[in-house]
Amino acid sequence: MTKKTYVIQRRVASSDRNVSEGRKPSSVLKVKVGNVFDFPNIDETRQAARQLVQTMLATKRNPNKIKRETDASELKMRL
């Protein structure tokens, strides 16, 4: 049995170059929304995907990578 996953793929402009340098190159971001069994219906999946797309367009970065960075920064080392 294979694992089924919802994924969104979106082309966003790169934030690496200034507008004065010419047209910004675009990059394709492929983001995992979640496993099929994590969502009870397709409407909730679509809503989660819309939120991820808004984050992608606002930050021009992979939202899952942003989440991993914030989770890692919240971890505290125990001695």
Protein backbone atom coordinates (compact mmCIF):
# COMPACT_ATOMS: atom_id res chain seq x y z
CA MET A 1 0.00 0.00 0.00
CA THR A 2 1.32 3.44 -0.89
CA LYS A 3 1.02 6.56 1.18
CA LYS A 4 -1.21 9.21 -0.38
CA THR A 5 -0.41 12.87 0.18
CA TYR A 6 -1.94 16.16 -0.87
CA VAL A 7 0.60 18.51 -2.45
CA ILE A 8 0.41 22.01 -3.91
CA GLN A 9 2.84 23.30 -6.48
CA ARG A 10 3.07 27.01 -7.13
CA ARG A 11 5.39 29.31 -9.07
CA VAL A 12 6.35 32.39 -7.05
CA ALA A 13 8.75 35.23 -7.81
CA SER A 14 12.11 34.95 -6.14
CA SER A 15 12.87 37.47 -3.42
CA ASP A 16 16.62 37.37 -4.08
CA ARG A 17 16.77 40.16 -6.69
CA ASN A 18 15.73 43.80 -6.67
CA VAL A 19 13.19 45.15 -9.13
CA SER A 20 15.89 47.47 -10.51
CA GLU A 21 17.87 44.42 -11.67
CA GLY A 22 15.15 43.46 -14.10
CA ARG A 23 12.47 40.84 -14.01
CA LYS A 24 12.64 38.64 -10.95
CA PRO A 25 13.18 34.98 -11.75
CA SER A 26 10.42 32.69 -10.60
CA SER A 27 10.86 29.48 -8.72
CA VAL A 28 8.52 26.56 -8.24
CA LEU A 29 7.65 25.63 -4.68
CA LYS A 30 6.22 22.20 -4.01
CA VAL A 31 4.61 22.00 -0.58
CA LYS A 32 3.11 19.05 1.24
CA VAL A 33 -0.37 19.91 2.54
CA GLY A 34 -0.79 16.68 4.47
CA ASN A 35 -1.67 13.02 4.32
CA VAL A 36 -5.02 12.06 2.81
CA PHE A 37 -6.12 10.49 6.09
CA ASP A 38 -5.34 13.68 8.09
CA PHE A 39 -8.34 15.48 6.58
CA PRO A 40 -11.95 14.33 7.08
CA ASN A 41 -13.14 15.92 3.83
CA ILE A 42 -11.81 17.69 0.74
CA ASP A 43 -13.13 21.11 1.83
CA GLU A 44 -10.81 21.20 4.85
CA THR A 45 -7.93 20.15 2.62
CA ARG A 46 -8.65 22.98 0.20
CA GLN A 47 -8.83 25.49 3.04
CA ALA A 48 -5.44 24.34 4.37
CA ALA A 49 -4.00 24.57 0.85
CA ARG A 50 -5.33 28.13 0.44
CA GLN A 51 -3.63 29.18 3.67
CA LEU A 52 -0.35 27.66 2.51
CA VAL A 53 -0.61 29.46 -0.86
CA GLN A 54 -1.17 32.79 0.90
CA THR A 55 1.95 32.18 3.00
CA MET A 56 3.93 31.22 -0.12
CA LEU A 57 2.91 34.39 -1.94
CA ALA A 58 3.59 36.63 1.07
CA THR A 59 6.99 35.22 2.05
CA LYS A 60 8.14 33.65 -1.25
CA ARG A 61 9.36 30.70 0.81
CA ASN A 62 8.21 27.17 1.53
CA PRO A 63 5.73 27.38 4.45
CA ASN A 64 6.77 23.96 5.75
CA LYS A 65 10.38 25.13 5.95
CA ILE A 66 9.29 28.24 7.86
CA LYS A 67 7.36 26.04 10.29
CA ARG A 68 10.38 23.78 10.82
CA GLU A 69 12.58 26.80 11.54
CA THR A 70 10.16 28.19 14.14
CA ASP A 71 9.76 24.76 15.75
CA ALA A 72 13.53 24.38 15.96
CA SER A 73 13.93 27.83 17.48
CA GLU A 74 11.34 27.02 20.15
CA LEU A 75 13.14 23.90 21.27
CA LYS A 76 15.14 24.34 24.40
CA MET A 77 18.19 22.35 25.26
CA ARG A 78 18.01 20.38 28.46
CA LEU A 79 21.07 19.82 30.56
